[in-house]
Amino acid sequence: MVADYERGDAVKDIAARYGIHRATVTEILRRAEVPARRYGLAEQIREEAAHLYTQGMGIRDVAKRLGISYDGARAGIVAYGAVLRPPGCQPQH
């Protein structure tokens, strides 16, 4: 299981392969002191999303430009510290 996880397999896929619950896989990995993967956007992507957004681009356009989901773009923008505009409010150019 450790090798599967380190190769990049998802916990849910490992659990299905071995016929056990995802929580069991997670516990086995924890006991084996396997570092958990970090999820979410990389720092560079969050920074770029926040930059594009603060320059006036909408969240949907940021997501499309960076090839990420709307929710991912929004979360990245907020995580980087940018303040979200009210819905429908775009800066004047």
PDB file of N, CA and C in Angstrom:
ATOM      1  N   MET A   1       0.818  -1.192   0.000  1.00  0.00           N
ATOM      2  CA  MET A   1       0.000   0.000   0.000  1.00  0.00           C
ATOM      3  C   MET A   1       0.860   1.252   0.000  1.00  0.00           C
ATOM      4  N   VAL A   2       1.945   1.216   0.750  1.00  0.00           N
ATOM      5  CA  VAL A   2       2.841   2.371   0.796  1.00  0.00           C
ATOM      6  C   VAL A   2       3.389   2.655  -0.594  1.00  0.00           C
ATOM      7  N   ALA A   3       3.833   1.615  -1.269  1.00  0.00           N
ATOM      8  CA  ALA A   3       4.387   1.787  -2.626  1.00  0.00           C
ATOM      9  C   ALA A   3       3.321   2.327  -3.578  1.00  0.00           C
ATOM     10  N   ASP A   4       2.093   1.821  -3.436  1.00  0.00           N
ATOM     11  CA  ASP A   4       1.004   2.308  -4.281  1.00  0.00           C
ATOM     12  C   ASP A   4       0.791   3.803  -4.069  1.00  0.00           C
ATOM     13  N   TYR A   5       0.741   4.204  -2.811  1.00  0.00           N
ATOM     14  CA  TYR A   5       0.506   5.612  -2.472  1.00  0.00           C
ATOM     15  C   TYR A   5       1.665   6.482  -2.949  1.00  0.00           C
ATOM     16  N   GLU A   6       2.879   6.021  -2.698  1.00  0.00           N
ATOM     17  CA  GLU A   6       4.047   6.808  -3.114  1.00  0.00           C
ATOM     18  C   GLU A   6       4.149   6.903  -4.630  1.00  0.00           C
ATOM     19  N   ARG A   7       3.587   5.927  -5.331  1.00  0.00           N
ATOM     20  CA  ARG A   7       3.566   5.962  -6.797  1.00  0.00           C
ATOM     21  C   ARG A   7       2.555   6.985  -7.300  1.00  0.00           C
ATOM     22  N   GLY A   8       1.624   7.402  -6.401  1.00  0.00           N
ATOM     23  CA  GLY A   8       0.648   8.409  -6.791  1.00  0.00           C
ATOM     24  C   GLY A   8      -0.782   7.928  -6.814  1.00  0.00           C
ATOM     25  N   ASP A   9      -1.008   6.659  -6.482  1.00  0.00           N
ATOM     26  CA  ASP A   9      -2.375   6.145  -6.460  1.00  0.00           C
ATOM     27  C   ASP A   9      -3.193   6.858  -5.381  1.00  0.00           C
ATOM     28  N   ALA A  10      -4.443   7.083  -5.659  1.00  0.00           N
ATOM     29  CA  ALA A  10      -5.347   7.723  -4.700  1.00  0.00           C
ATOM     30  C   ALA A  10      -5.718   6.727  -3.605  1.00  0.00           C
ATOM     31  N   VAL A  11      -5.952   7.264  -2.405  1.00  0.00           N
ATOM     32  CA  VAL A  11      -6.338   6.420  -1.270  1.00  0.00           C
ATOM     33  C   VAL A  11      -7.577   5.597  -1.611  1.00  0.00           C
ATOM     34  N   LYS A  12      -8.561   6.211  -2.271  1.00  0.00           N
ATOM     35  CA  LYS A  12      -9.790   5.481  -2.602  1.00  0.00           C
ATOM     36  C   LYS A  12      -9.506   4.310  -3.550  1.00  0.00           C
ATOM     37  N   ASP A  13      -8.548   4.491  -4.459  1.00  0.00           N
ATOM     38  CA  ASP A  13      -8.198   3.410  -5.387  1.00  0.00           C
ATOM     39  C   ASP A  13      -7.455   2.288  -4.664  1.00  0.00           C
ATOM     40  N   ILE A  14      -6.584   2.642  -3.740  1.00  0.00           N
ATOM     41  CA  ILE A  14      -5.861   1.639  -2.951  1.00  0.00           C
ATOM     42  C   ILE A  14      -6.850   0.844  -2.108  1.00  0.00           C
ATOM     43  N   ALA A  15      -7.784   1.544  -1.484  1.00  0.00           N
ATOM     44  CA  ALA A  15      -8.791   0.880  -0.656  1.00  0.00           C
ATOM     45  C   ALA A  15      -9.596  -0.116  -1.486  1.00  0.00           C
ATOM     46  N   ALA A  16     -10.020   0.290  -2.660  1.00  0.00           N
ATOM     47  CA  ALA A  16     -10.801  -0.597  -3.525  1.00  0.00           C
ATOM     48  C   ALA A  16      -9.964  -1.803  -3.951  1.00  0.00           C
ATOM     49  N   ARG A  17      -8.710  -1.573  -4.265  1.00  0.00           N
ATOM     50  CA  ARG A  17      -7.821  -2.651  -4.700  1.00  0.00           C
ATOM     51  C   ARG A  17      -7.671  -3.725  -3.619  1.00  0.00           C
ATOM     52  N   TYR A  18      -7.559  -3.295  -2.370  1.00  0.00           N
ATOM     53  CA  TYR A  18      -7.332  -4.240  -1.276  1.00  0.00           C
ATOM     54  C   TYR A  18      -8.615  -4.620  -0.537  1.00  0.00           C
ATOM     55  N   GLY A  19      -9.740  -4.049  -0.951  1.00  0.00           N
ATOM     56  CA  GLY A  19     -11.014  -4.392  -0.346  1.00  0.00           C
ATOM     57  C   GLY A  19     -11.160  -3.924   1.091  1.00  0.00           C
ATOM     58  N   ILE A  20     -10.605  -2.756   1.380  1.00  0.00           N
ATOM     59  CA  ILE A  20     -10.686  -2.186   2.730  1.00  0.00           C
ATOM     60  C   ILE A  20     -11.207  -0.753   2.649  1.00  0.00           C
ATOM     61  N   HIS A  21     -11.511  -0.174   3.796  1.00  0.00           N
ATOM     62  CA  HIS A  21     -12.027   1.181   3.850  1.00  0.00           C
ATOM     63  C   HIS A  21     -10.894   2.188   3.657  1.00  0.00           C
ATOM     64  N   ARG A  22     -11.230   3.345   3.108  1.00  0.00           N
ATOM     65  CA  ARG A  22     -10.233   4.418   2.914  1.00  0.00           C
ATOM     66  C   ARG A  22      -9.564   4.816   4.222  1.00  0.00           C
ATOM     67  N   ALA A  23     -10.337   4.846   5.299  1.00  0.00           N
ATOM     68  CA  ALA A  23      -9.774   5.218   6.604  1.00  0.00           C
ATOM     69  C   ALA A  23      -8.710   4.218   7.052  1.00  0.00           C
ATOM     70  N   THR A  24      -8.898   2.952   6.688  1.00  0.00           N
ATOM     71  CA  THR A  24      -7.905   1.930   7.037  1.00  0.00           C
ATOM     72  C   THR A  24      -6.604   2.179   6.276  1.00  0.00           C
ATOM     73  N   VAL A  25      -6.721   2.511   5.011  1.00  0.00           N
ATOM     74  CA  VAL A  25      -5.532   2.835   4.215  1.00  0.00           C
ATOM     75  C   VAL A  25      -4.811   4.029   4.825  1.00  0.00           C
ATOM     76  N   THR A  26      -5.561   5.062   5.157  1.00  0.00           N
ATOM     77  CA  THR A  26      -4.975   6.264   5.744  1.00  0.00           C
ATOM     78  C   THR A  26      -4.260   5.937   7.047  1.00  0.00           C
ATOM     79  N   GLU A  27      -4.852   5.093   7.875  1.00  0.00           N
ATOM     80  CA  GLU A  27      -4.241   4.713   9.144  1.00  0.00           C
ATOM     81  C   GLU A  27      -2.959   3.903   8.909  1.00  0.00           C
ATOM     82  N   ILE A  28      -2.975   2.992   7.959  1.00  0.00           N
ATOM     83  CA  ILE A  28      -1.771   2.213   7.636  1.00  0.00           C
ATOM     84  C   ILE A  28      -0.653   3.137   7.169  1.00  0.00           C
ATOM     85  N   LEU A  29      -0.984   4.091   6.326  1.00  0.00           N
ATOM     86  CA  LEU A  29       0.018   5.045   5.838  1.00  0.00           C
ATOM     87  C   LEU A  29       0.559   5.910   6.976  1.00  0.00           C
ATOM     88  N   ARG A  30      -0.333   6.325   7.879  1.00  0.00           N
ATOM     89  CA  ARG A  30       0.094   7.139   9.017  1.00  0.00           C
ATOM     90  C   ARG A  30       1.047   6.356   9.900  1.00  0.00           C
ATOM     91  N   ARG A  31       0.704   5.110  10.194  1.00  0.00           N
ATOM     92  CA  ARG A  31       1.567   4.266  11.031  1.00  0.00           C
ATOM     93  C   ARG A  31       2.913   3.989  10.377  1.00  0.00           C
ATOM     94  N   ALA A  32       2.924   3.949   9.060  1.00  0.00           N
ATOM     95  CA  ALA A  32       4.174   3.745   8.315  1.00  0.00           C
ATOM     96  C   ALA A  32       4.946   5.059   8.158  1.00  0.00           C
ATOM     97  N   GLU A  33       4.399   6.128   8.739  1.00  0.00           N
ATOM     98  CA  GLU A  33       5.004   7.464   8.699  1.00  0.00           C
ATOM     99  C   GLU A  33       5.222   7.977   7.279  1.00  0.00           C
ATOM    100  N   VAL A  34       4.257   7.662   6.428  1.00  0.00           N
ATOM    101  CA  VAL A  34       4.282   8.160   5.049  1.00  0.00           C
ATOM    102  C   VAL A  34       3.689   9.559   5.073  1.00  0.00           C
ATOM    103  N   PRO A  35       4.418  10.556   4.588  1.00  0.00           N
ATOM    104  CA  PRO A  35       3.875  11.920   4.585  1.00  0.00           C
ATOM    105  C   PRO A  35       2.621  12.009   3.714  1.00  0.00           C
ATOM    106  N   ALA A  36       1.622  12.687   4.240  1.00  0.00           N
ATOM    107  CA  ALA A  36       0.392  12.886   3.480  1.00  0.00           C
ATOM    108  C   ALA A  36       0.653  13.872   2.349  1.00  0.00           C
ATOM    109  N   ARG A  37      -0.049  13.671   1.257  1.00  0.00           N
ATOM    110  CA  ARG A  37       0.078  14.600   0.135  1.00  0.00           C
ATOM    111  C   ARG A  37      -0.602  15.902   0.477  1.00  0.00           C
ATOM    112  N   ARG A  38      -0.043  16.974  -0.019  1.00  0.00           N
ATOM    113  CA  ARG A  38      -0.688  18.286   0.106  1.00  0.00           C
ATOM    114  C   ARG A  38      -1.577  18.480  -1.097  1.00  0.00           C
ATOM    115  N   TYR A  39      -2.804  18.843  -0.815  1.00  0.00           N
ATOM    116  CA  TYR A  39      -3.744  19.106  -1.895  1.00  0.00           C
ATOM    117  C   TYR A  39      -3.932  20.610  -2.036  1.00  0.00           C
ATOM    118  N   GLY A  40      -4.520  20.986  -3.119  1.00  0.00           N
ATOM    119  CA  GLY A  40      -4.737  22.397  -3.367  1.00  0.00           C
ATOM    120  C   GLY A  40      -3.753  22.900  -4.417  1.00  0.00           C
ATOM    121  N   LEU A  41      -3.860  24.166  -4.684  1.00  0.00           N
ATOM    122  CA  LEU A  41      -3.030  24.777  -5.716  1.00  0.00           C
ATOM    123  C   LEU A  41      -1.632  25.072  -5.209  1.00  0.00           C
ATOM    124  N   ALA A  42      -0.675  24.959  -6.093  1.00  0.00           N
ATOM    125  CA  ALA A  42       0.695  25.329  -5.769  1.00  0.00           C
ATOM    126  C   ALA A  42       0.759  26.832  -5.508  1.00  0.00           C
ATOM    127  N   GLU A  43       1.708  27.235  -4.719  1.00  0.00           N
ATOM    128  CA  GLU A  43       1.880  28.654  -4.359  1.00  0.00           C
ATOM    129  C   GLU A  43       1.948  29.531  -5.607  1.00  0.00           C
ATOM    130  N   GLN A  44       2.673  29.106  -6.614  1.00  0.00           N
ATOM    131  CA  GLN A  44       2.830  29.884  -7.846  1.00  0.00           C
ATOM    132  C   GLN A  44       1.481  30.082  -8.546  1.00  0.00           C
ATOM    133  N   ILE A  45       0.635  29.049  -8.558  1.00  0.00           N
ATOM    134  CA  ILE A  45      -0.680  29.162  -9.198  1.00  0.00           C
ATOM    135  C   ILE A  45      -1.581  30.093  -8.394  1.00  0.00           C
ATOM    136  N   ARG A  46      -1.548  29.980  -7.046  1.00  0.00           N
ATOM    137  CA  ARG A  46      -2.347  30.893  -6.212  1.00  0.00           C
ATOM    138  C   ARG A  46      -1.925  32.331  -6.453  1.00  0.00           C
ATOM    139  N   GLU A  47      -0.629  32.561  -6.535  1.00  0.00           N
ATOM    140  CA  GLU A  47      -0.117  33.913  -6.762  1.00  0.00           C
ATOM    141  C   GLU A  47      -0.591  34.444  -8.110  1.00  0.00           C
ATOM    142  N   GLU A  48      -0.495  33.624  -9.143  1.00  0.00           N
ATOM    143  CA  GLU A  48      -0.914  34.045 -10.483  1.00  0.00           C
ATOM    144  C   GLU A  48      -2.418  34.302 -10.518  1.00  0.00           C
ATOM    145  N   ALA A  49      -3.197  33.432  -9.864  1.00  0.00           N
ATOM    146  CA  ALA A  49      -4.653  33.623  -9.816  1.00  0.00           C
ATOM    147  C   ALA A  49      -4.992  34.943  -9.133  1.00  0.00           C
ATOM    148  N   ALA A  50      -4.352  35.212  -8.006  1.00  0.00           N
ATOM    149  CA  ALA A  50      -4.608  36.462  -7.279  1.00  0.00           C
ATOM    150  C   ALA A  50      -4.188  37.665  -8.115  1.00  0.00           C
ATOM    151  N   HIS A  51      -3.061  37.564  -8.798  1.00  0.00           N
ATOM    152  CA  HIS A  51      -2.580  38.668  -9.639  1.00  0.00           C
ATOM    153  C   HIS A  51      -3.580  38.960 -10.759  1.00  0.00           C
ATOM    154  N   LEU A  52      -3.998  37.916 -11.463  1.00  0.00           N
ATOM    155  CA  LEU A  52      -4.949  38.111 -12.561  1.00  0.00           C
ATOM    156  C   LEU A  52      -6.255  38.706 -12.053  1.00  0.00           C
ATOM    157  N   TYR A  53      -6.717  38.213 -10.912  1.00  0.00           N
ATOM    158  CA  TYR A  53      -7.973  38.696 -10.339  1.00  0.00           C
ATOM    159  C   TYR A  53      -7.858  40.157  -9.924  1.00  0.00           C
ATOM    160  N   THR A  54      -6.773  40.520  -9.262  1.00  0.00           N
ATOM    161  CA  THR A  54      -6.620  41.912  -8.815  1.00  0.00           C
ATOM    162  C   THR A  54      -6.374  42.862  -9.983  1.00  0.00           C
ATOM    163  N   GLN A  55      -5.989  42.319 -11.121  1.00  0.00           N
ATOM    164  CA  GLN A  55      -5.825  43.142 -12.320  1.00  0.00           C
ATOM    165  C   GLN A  55      -7.146  43.321 -13.067  1.00  0.00           C
ATOM    166  N   GLY A  56      -8.228  42.705 -12.531  1.00  0.00           N
ATOM    167  CA  GLY A  56      -9.545  42.930 -13.110  1.00  0.00           C
ATOM    168  C   GLY A  56     -10.211  41.735 -13.760  1.00  0.00           C
ATOM    169  N   MET A  57      -9.504  40.631 -13.875  1.00  0.00           N
ATOM    170  CA  MET A  57     -10.092  39.458 -14.495  1.00  0.00           C
ATOM    171  C   MET A  57     -11.096  38.826 -13.525  1.00  0.00           C
ATOM    172  N   GLY A  58     -12.187  38.292 -14.036  1.00  0.00           N
ATOM    173  CA  GLY A  58     -13.170  37.600 -13.203  1.00  0.00           C
ATOM    174  C   GLY A  58     -12.672  36.206 -12.822  1.00  0.00           C
ATOM    175  N   ILE A  59     -13.275  35.633 -11.802  1.00  0.00           N
ATOM    176  CA  ILE A  59     -12.835  34.317 -11.326  1.00  0.00           C
ATOM    177  C   ILE A  59     -12.968  33.259 -12.418  1.00  0.00           C
ATOM    178  N   ARG A  60     -14.067  33.271 -13.158  1.00  0.00           N
ATOM    179  CA  ARG A  60     -14.238  32.284 -14.237  1.00  0.00           C
ATOM    180  C   ARG A  60     -13.143  32.406 -15.285  1.00  0.00           C
ATOM    181  N   ASP A  61     -12.787  33.641 -15.617  1.00  0.00           N
ATOM    182  CA  ASP A  61     -11.727  33.852 -16.602  1.00  0.00           C
ATOM    183  C   ASP A  61     -10.356  33.425 -16.057  1.00  0.00           C
ATOM    184  N   VAL A  62     -10.132  33.687 -14.784  1.00  0.00           N
ATOM    185  CA  VAL A  62      -8.879  33.242 -14.145  1.00  0.00           C
ATOM    186  C   VAL A  62      -8.792  31.721 -14.217  1.00  0.00           C
ATOM    187  N   ALA A  63      -9.886  31.063 -13.859  1.00  0.00           N
ATOM    188  CA  ALA A  63      -9.917  29.600 -13.873  1.00  0.00           C
ATOM    189  C   ALA A  63      -9.625  29.065 -15.280  1.00  0.00           C
ATOM    190  N   LYS A  64     -10.272  29.662 -16.262  1.00  0.00           N
ATOM    191  CA  LYS A  64     -10.077  29.221 -17.650  1.00  0.00           C
ATOM    192  C   LYS A  64      -8.635  29.452 -18.093  1.00  0.00           C
ATOM    193  N   ARG A  65      -8.087  30.610 -17.795  1.00  0.00           N
ATOM    194  CA  ARG A  65      -6.717  30.953 -18.188  1.00  0.00           C
ATOM    195  C   ARG A  65      -5.705  29.983 -17.581  1.00  0.00           C
ATOM    196  N   LEU A  66      -5.930  29.611 -16.306  1.00  0.00           N
ATOM    197  CA  LEU A  66      -4.973  28.752 -15.605  1.00  0.00           C
ATOM    198  C   LEU A  66      -5.287  27.264 -15.731  1.00  0.00           C
ATOM    199  N   GLY A  67      -6.430  26.941 -16.357  1.00  0.00           N
ATOM    200  CA  GLY A  67      -6.793  25.542 -16.537  1.00  0.00           C
ATOM    201  C   GLY A  67      -7.171  24.852 -15.248  1.00  0.00           C
ATOM    202  N   ILE A  68      -7.839  25.594 -14.350  1.00  0.00           N
ATOM    203  CA  ILE A  68      -8.262  25.045 -13.069  1.00  0.00           C
ATOM    204  C   ILE A  68      -9.765  25.273 -12.903  1.00  0.00           C
ATOM    205  N   SER A  69     -10.349  24.683 -11.881  1.00  0.00           N
ATOM    206  CA  SER A  69     -11.780  24.852 -11.657  1.00  0.00           C
ATOM    207  C   SER A  69     -12.080  26.242 -11.089  1.00  0.00           C
ATOM    208  N   TYR A  70     -13.350  26.623 -11.207  1.00  0.00           N
ATOM    209  CA  TYR A  70     -13.792  27.889 -10.617  1.00  0.00           C
ATOM    210  C   TYR A  70     -13.523  27.882  -9.117  1.00  0.00           C
ATOM    211  N   ASP A  71     -13.908  26.790  -8.451  1.00  0.00           N
ATOM    212  CA  ASP A  71     -13.705  26.701  -7.001  1.00  0.00           C
ATOM    213  C   ASP A  71     -12.222  26.757  -6.641  1.00  0.00           C
ATOM    214  N   GLY A  72     -11.390  26.109  -7.455  1.00  0.00           N
ATOM    215  CA  GLY A  72      -9.948  26.145  -7.210  1.00  0.00           C
ATOM    216  C   GLY A  72      -9.390  27.546  -7.371  1.00  0.00           C
ATOM    217  N   ALA A  73      -9.850  28.247  -8.404  1.00  0.00           N
ATOM    218  CA  ALA A  73      -9.396  29.623  -8.626  1.00  0.00           C
ATOM    219  C   ALA A  73      -9.823  30.518  -7.479  1.00  0.00           C
ATOM    220  N   ARG A  74     -11.077  30.404  -7.070  1.00  0.00           N
ATOM    221  CA  ARG A  74     -11.587  31.222  -5.969  1.00  0.00           C
ATOM    222  C   ARG A  74     -10.812  30.945  -4.688  1.00  0.00           C
ATOM    223  N   ALA A  75     -10.612  29.672  -4.386  1.00  0.00           N
ATOM    224  CA  ALA A  75      -9.879  29.306  -3.173  1.00  0.00           C
ATOM    225  C   ALA A  75      -8.441  29.817  -3.228  1.00  0.00           C
ATOM    226  N   GLY A  76      -7.818  29.724  -4.386  1.00  0.00           N
ATOM    227  CA  GLY A  76      -6.448  30.209  -4.535  1.00  0.00           C
ATOM    228  C   GLY A  76      -6.348  31.712  -4.367  1.00  0.00           C
ATOM    229  N   ILE A  77      -7.299  32.423  -4.913  1.00  0.00           N
ATOM    230  CA  ILE A  77      -7.325  33.885  -4.799  1.00  0.00           C
ATOM    231  C   ILE A  77      -7.466  34.292  -3.340  1.00  0.00           C
ATOM    232  N   VAL A  78      -8.407  33.660  -2.651  1.00  0.00           N
ATOM    233  CA  VAL A  78      -8.635  33.964  -1.237  1.00  0.00           C
ATOM    234  C   VAL A  78      -7.420  33.558  -0.400  1.00  0.00           C
ATOM    235  N   ALA A  79      -6.857  32.377  -0.676  1.00  0.00           N
ATOM    236  CA  ALA A  79      -5.706  31.887   0.090  1.00  0.00           C
ATOM    237  C   ALA A  79      -4.506  32.818  -0.057  1.00  0.00           C
ATOM    238  N   TYR A  80      -4.391  33.456  -1.203  1.00  0.00           N
ATOM    239  CA  TYR A  80      -3.266  34.362  -1.421  1.00  0.00           C
ATOM    240  C   TYR A  80      -3.509  35.741  -0.816  1.00  0.00           C
ATOM    241  N   GLY A  81      -4.723  35.954  -0.312  1.00  0.00           N
ATOM    242  CA  GLY A  81      -5.008  37.193   0.402  1.00  0.00           C
ATOM    243  C   GLY A  81      -5.748  38.260  -0.369  1.00  0.00           C
ATOM    244  N   ALA A  82      -6.151  37.966  -1.583  1.00  0.00           N
ATOM    245  CA  ALA A  82      -6.905  38.961  -2.351  1.00  0.00           C
ATOM    246  C   ALA A  82      -8.334  39.049  -1.811  1.00  0.00           C
ATOM    247  N   VAL A  83      -8.884  40.240  -1.840  1.00  0.00           N
ATOM    248  CA  VAL A  83     -10.256  40.469  -1.388  1.00  0.00           C
ATOM    249  C   VAL A  83     -11.180  40.306  -2.582  1.00  0.00           C
ATOM    250  N   LEU A  84     -12.206  39.468  -2.416  1.00  0.00           N
ATOM    251  CA  LEU A  84     -13.141  39.232  -3.509  1.00  0.00           C
ATOM    252  C   LEU A  84     -14.092  40.403  -3.686  1.00  0.00           C
ATOM    253  N   ARG A  85     -14.349  40.720  -4.946  1.00  0.00           N
ATOM    254  CA  ARG A  85     -15.319  41.767  -5.269  1.00  0.00           C
ATOM    255  C   ARG A  85     -16.724  41.198  -5.124  1.00  0.00           C
ATOM    256  N   PRO A  86     -17.712  42.061  -4.859  1.00  0.00           N
ATOM    257  CA  PRO A  86     -19.099  41.568  -4.838  1.00  0.00           C
ATOM    258  C   PRO A  86     -19.458  40.993  -6.204  1.00  0.00           C
ATOM    259  N   PRO A  87     -20.346  39.999  -6.245  1.00  0.00           N
ATOM    260  CA  PRO A  87     -20.729  39.401  -7.533  1.00  0.00           C
ATOM    261  C   PRO A  87     -21.197  40.464  -8.526  1.00  0.00           C
ATOM    262  N   GLY A  88     -20.732  40.351  -9.748  1.00  0.00           N
ATOM    263  CA  GLY A  88     -21.132  41.262 -10.811  1.00  0.00           C
ATOM    264  C   GLY A  88     -20.356  42.559 -10.855  1.00  0.00           C
ATOM    265  N   CYS A  89     -19.450  42.785  -9.911  1.00  0.00           N
ATOM    266  CA  CYS A  89     -18.663  44.024  -9.868  1.00  0.00           C
ATOM    267  C   CYS A  89     -17.289  43.786 -10.467  1.00  0.00           C
ATOM    268  N   GLN A  90     -17.055  44.383 -11.605  1.00  0.00           N
ATOM    269  CA  GLN A  90     -15.749  44.315 -12.239  1.00  0.00           C
ATOM    270  C   GLN A  90     -15.137  45.707 -12.249  1.00  0.00           C
ATOM    271  N   PRO A  91     -13.847  45.799 -12.029  1.00  0.00           N
ATOM    272  CA  PRO A  91     -13.211  47.120 -12.057  1.00  0.00           C
ATOM    273  C   PRO A  91     -13.327  47.769 -13.427  1.00  0.00           C
ATOM    274  N   GLN A  92     -13.385  49.076 -13.438  1.00  0.00           N
ATOM    275  CA  GLN A  92     -13.444  49.827 -14.691  1.00  0.00           C
ATOM    276  C   GLN A  92     -12.024  49.979 -15.242  1.00  0.00           C
ATOM    277  N   HIS A  93     -11.885  49.764 -16.548  1.00  0.00           N
ATOM    278  CA  HIS A  93     -10.545  49.881 -17.194  1.00  0.00           C
ATOM    279  C   HIS A  93     -10.422  51.207 -17.876  1.00  0.00           C
TER     280      HIS A  93
END
